Amino acid sequence: MEVLRIILMVIDILICLGVIAAVLMQSSRSAGISGTIGGASEQIFGKKKGLDDFLAKISGILTAAFFVITLILTLIF
């Protein structure tokens, strides 16, 4: 039982690090004057929209997995 708890905790930590990495790799949603200038340049030069969509899906999946594993660790142990 103790080995299972340790394995779940290690998986939980790895998923947590994955969520942090996926969120930090996404492009920011700027506001204000700098966001207006940045938005204009993105229209001219283009933006990696596919990568942002992929990272948003990955971060959502990892967040759900983190929630479930943390809930299991809390309820069982």
N, C-alpha and C. Protein backbone atom coordinates (compact mmCIF):
# COMPACT_ATOMS: atom_id res chain seq x y z
N MET A 1 0.82 -1.19 0.00
CA MET A 1 0.00 0.00 0.00
C MET A 1 0.87 1.26 0.00
N GLU A 2 1.98 1.17 0.72
CA GLU A 2 2.89 2.31 0.78
C GLU A 2 3.57 2.56 -0.57
N VAL A 3 3.88 1.48 -1.28
CA VAL A 3 4.52 1.61 -2.59
C VAL A 3 3.57 2.29 -3.58
N LEU A 4 2.30 1.93 -3.53
CA LEU A 4 1.31 2.55 -4.40
C LEU A 4 1.18 4.04 -4.14
N ARG A 5 1.24 4.43 -2.87
CA ARG A 5 1.15 5.85 -2.51
C ARG A 5 2.36 6.61 -3.06
N ILE A 6 3.53 6.03 -2.94
CA ILE A 6 4.74 6.68 -3.44
C ILE A 6 4.69 6.81 -4.96
N ILE A 7 4.23 5.77 -5.64
CA ILE A 7 4.13 5.81 -7.10
C ILE A 7 3.15 6.89 -7.54
N LEU A 8 1.99 6.96 -6.87
CA LEU A 8 1.00 7.98 -7.21
C LEU A 8 1.52 9.39 -6.93
N MET A 9 2.29 9.55 -5.87
CA MET A 9 2.85 10.87 -5.56
C MET A 9 3.88 11.30 -6.61
N VAL A 10 4.69 10.36 -7.07
CA VAL A 10 5.68 10.68 -8.10
C VAL A 10 4.98 11.05 -9.41
N ILE A 11 3.94 10.30 -9.77
CA ILE A 11 3.17 10.62 -10.98
C ILE A 11 2.50 11.97 -10.83
N ASP A 12 1.99 12.26 -9.64
CA ASP A 12 1.33 13.54 -9.38
C ASP A 12 2.31 14.70 -9.53
N ILE A 13 3.52 14.54 -9.03
CA ILE A 13 4.53 15.59 -9.15
C ILE A 13 4.93 15.79 -10.61
N LEU A 14 5.09 14.70 -11.36
CA LEU A 14 5.45 14.82 -12.78
C LEU A 14 4.34 15.51 -13.58
N ILE A 15 3.09 15.17 -13.28
CA ILE A 15 1.97 15.82 -13.97
C ILE A 15 1.92 17.30 -13.60
N CYS A 16 2.17 17.61 -12.33
CA CYS A 16 2.20 19.00 -11.90
C CYS A 16 3.26 19.80 -12.66
N LEU A 17 4.43 19.24 -12.82
CA LEU A 17 5.49 19.90 -13.59
C LEU A 17 5.09 20.05 -15.05
N GLY A 18 4.38 19.06 -15.59
CA GLY A 18 3.89 19.15 -16.97
C GLY A 18 2.87 20.26 -17.14
N VAL A 19 1.98 20.43 -16.16
CA VAL A 19 1.00 21.52 -16.22
C VAL A 19 1.71 22.86 -16.19
N ILE A 20 2.69 23.01 -15.32
CA ILE A 20 3.43 24.26 -15.23
C ILE A 20 4.13 24.56 -16.55
N ALA A 21 4.77 23.56 -17.13
CA ALA A 21 5.47 23.77 -18.40
C ALA A 21 4.50 24.12 -19.53
N ALA A 22 3.37 23.43 -19.60
CA ALA A 22 2.40 23.69 -20.67
C ALA A 22 1.81 25.09 -20.55
N VAL A 23 1.54 25.54 -19.34
CA VAL A 23 0.98 26.88 -19.16
C VAL A 23 2.02 27.95 -19.48
N LEU A 24 3.26 27.74 -19.06
CA LEU A 24 4.29 28.74 -19.32
C LEU A 24 4.67 28.82 -20.80
N MET A 25 4.49 27.75 -21.55
CA MET A 25 4.84 27.76 -22.97
C MET A 25 3.79 28.43 -23.82
N GLN A 26 2.58 28.64 -23.29
CA GLN A 26 1.54 29.30 -24.07
C GLN A 26 1.85 30.77 -24.21
N SER A 27 1.42 31.36 -25.33
CA SER A 27 1.65 32.79 -25.52
C SER A 27 0.68 33.56 -24.64
N SER A 28 1.13 34.71 -24.16
CA SER A 28 0.31 35.49 -23.23
C SER A 28 -0.77 36.25 -23.97
N ARG A 29 -1.83 36.54 -23.27
CA ARG A 29 -2.92 37.34 -23.81
C ARG A 29 -2.73 38.76 -23.28
N SER A 30 -2.00 39.57 -24.02
CA SER A 30 -1.67 40.91 -23.56
C SER A 30 -2.87 41.84 -23.66
N ALA A 31 -2.86 42.86 -22.80
CA ALA A 31 -3.92 43.86 -22.81
C ALA A 31 -3.29 45.24 -22.82
N GLY A 32 -4.09 46.23 -23.09
CA GLY A 32 -3.59 47.60 -23.10
C GLY A 32 -2.91 47.96 -24.40
N ILE A 33 -2.08 48.98 -24.35
CA ILE A 33 -1.41 49.48 -25.57
C ILE A 33 -0.45 48.44 -26.13
N SER A 34 0.30 47.78 -25.25
CA SER A 34 1.24 46.78 -25.75
C SER A 34 0.51 45.62 -26.42
N GLY A 35 -0.68 45.27 -25.91
CA GLY A 35 -1.48 44.23 -26.54
C GLY A 35 -2.00 44.65 -27.90
N THR A 36 -2.33 45.92 -28.04
CA THR A 36 -2.80 46.43 -29.33
C THR A 36 -1.68 46.38 -30.36
N ILE A 37 -0.51 46.80 -29.95
CA ILE A 37 0.64 46.78 -30.87
C ILE A 37 1.00 45.33 -31.20
N GLY A 38 1.01 44.48 -30.19
CA GLY A 38 1.31 43.07 -30.42
C GLY A 38 0.27 42.41 -31.30
N GLY A 39 -1.00 42.77 -31.12
CA GLY A 39 -2.06 42.20 -31.95
C GLY A 39 -1.93 42.61 -33.39
N ALA A 40 -1.51 43.86 -33.63
CA ALA A 40 -1.32 44.32 -35.00
C ALA A 40 -0.16 43.58 -35.66
N SER A 41 0.91 43.36 -34.90
CA SER A 41 2.05 42.65 -35.49
C SER A 41 1.71 41.19 -35.75
N GLU A 42 0.85 40.60 -34.90
CA GLU A 42 0.46 39.21 -35.13
C GLU A 42 -0.38 39.08 -36.39
N GLN A 43 -1.18 40.09 -36.70
CA GLN A 43 -1.98 40.05 -37.92
C GLN A 43 -1.09 40.14 -39.15
N ILE A 44 -0.02 40.90 -39.04
CA ILE A 44 0.89 41.07 -40.18
C ILE A 44 1.79 39.84 -40.33
N PHE A 45 2.42 39.42 -39.25
CA PHE A 45 3.42 38.36 -39.32
C PHE A 45 2.86 36.98 -39.01
N GLY A 46 1.67 36.89 -38.52
CA GLY A 46 1.07 35.60 -38.20
C GLY A 46 1.39 35.16 -36.79
N LYS A 47 0.66 34.18 -36.33
CA LYS A 47 0.81 33.67 -34.97
C LYS A 47 0.73 32.15 -35.01
N LYS A 48 1.39 31.50 -34.08
CA LYS A 48 1.36 30.05 -34.00
C LYS A 48 0.09 29.62 -33.26
N LYS A 49 -1.04 29.73 -33.94
CA LYS A 49 -2.31 29.41 -33.29
C LYS A 49 -2.45 27.91 -33.03
N GLY A 50 -1.95 27.09 -33.91
CA GLY A 50 -2.05 25.65 -33.73
C GLY A 50 -1.31 25.18 -32.49
N LEU A 51 -0.14 25.76 -32.24
CA LEU A 51 0.64 25.38 -31.07
C LEU A 51 -0.08 25.82 -29.79
N ASP A 52 -0.67 27.01 -29.80
CA ASP A 52 -1.40 27.47 -28.61
C ASP A 52 -2.62 26.59 -28.33
N ASP A 53 -3.32 26.19 -29.37
CA ASP A 53 -4.47 25.29 -29.18
C ASP A 53 -4.03 23.95 -28.62
N PHE A 54 -2.94 23.42 -29.15
CA PHE A 54 -2.41 22.15 -28.67
C PHE A 54 -2.00 22.24 -27.20
N LEU A 55 -1.28 23.32 -26.85
CA LEU A 55 -0.85 23.49 -25.46
C LEU A 55 -2.03 23.70 -24.52
N ALA A 56 -3.09 24.35 -25.00
CA ALA A 56 -4.28 24.54 -24.18
C ALA A 56 -4.96 23.19 -23.91
N LYS A 57 -5.03 22.33 -24.92
CA LYS A 57 -5.62 21.00 -24.72
C LYS A 57 -4.77 20.16 -23.78
N ILE A 58 -3.46 20.20 -23.97
CA ILE A 58 -2.55 19.43 -23.11
C ILE A 58 -2.65 19.90 -21.66
N SER A 59 -2.69 21.22 -21.46
CA SER A 59 -2.77 21.73 -20.09
C SER A 59 -4.11 21.35 -19.45
N GLY A 60 -5.18 21.33 -20.22
CA GLY A 60 -6.47 20.90 -19.68
C GLY A 60 -6.48 19.43 -19.28
N ILE A 61 -5.91 18.59 -20.14
CA ILE A 61 -5.85 17.16 -19.85
C ILE A 61 -4.97 16.88 -18.63
N LEU A 62 -3.81 17.55 -18.58
CA LEU A 62 -2.91 17.35 -17.44
C LEU A 62 -3.53 17.87 -16.15
N THR A 63 -4.26 18.98 -16.23
CA THR A 63 -4.91 19.51 -15.03
C THR A 63 -5.97 18.56 -14.51
N ALA A 64 -6.75 17.98 -15.42
CA ALA A 64 -7.77 17.00 -15.01
C ALA A 64 -7.11 15.77 -14.38
N ALA A 65 -6.02 15.30 -14.97
CA ALA A 65 -5.30 14.15 -14.41
C ALA A 65 -4.72 14.47 -13.04
N PHE A 66 -4.18 15.68 -12.89
CA PHE A 66 -3.65 16.12 -11.60
C PHE A 66 -4.75 16.14 -10.55
N PHE A 67 -5.92 16.65 -10.92
CA PHE A 67 -7.04 16.71 -9.99
C PHE A 67 -7.47 15.32 -9.55
N VAL A 68 -7.60 14.41 -10.50
CA VAL A 68 -8.06 13.06 -10.18
C VAL A 68 -7.06 12.32 -9.29
N ILE A 69 -5.78 12.39 -9.64
CA ILE A 69 -4.78 11.67 -8.86
C ILE A 69 -4.65 12.28 -7.45
N THR A 70 -4.73 13.60 -7.35
CA THR A 70 -4.68 14.23 -6.04
C THR A 70 -5.89 13.85 -5.20
N LEU A 71 -7.05 13.77 -5.83
CA LEU A 71 -8.26 13.35 -5.13
C LEU A 71 -8.14 11.90 -4.65
N ILE A 72 -7.59 11.04 -5.48
CA ILE A 72 -7.38 9.64 -5.09
C ILE A 72 -6.42 9.56 -3.91
N LEU A 73 -5.33 10.32 -3.99
CA LEU A 73 -4.37 10.31 -2.88
C LEU A 73 -5.01 10.80 -1.59
N THR A 74 -5.86 11.79 -1.70
CA THR A 74 -6.50 12.34 -0.50
C THR A 74 -7.52 11.37 0.09
N LEU A 75 -8.31 10.74 -0.74
CA LEU A 75 -9.38 9.88 -0.24
C LEU A 75 -8.88 8.52 0.24
N ILE A 76 -7.93 7.96 -0.45
CA ILE A 76 -7.47 6.61 -0.11
C ILE A 76 -6.44 6.63 1.01
N PHE A 77 -5.54 7.61 0.97
CA PHE A 77 -4.45 7.60 1.94
C PHE A 77 -4.70 8.70 2.93
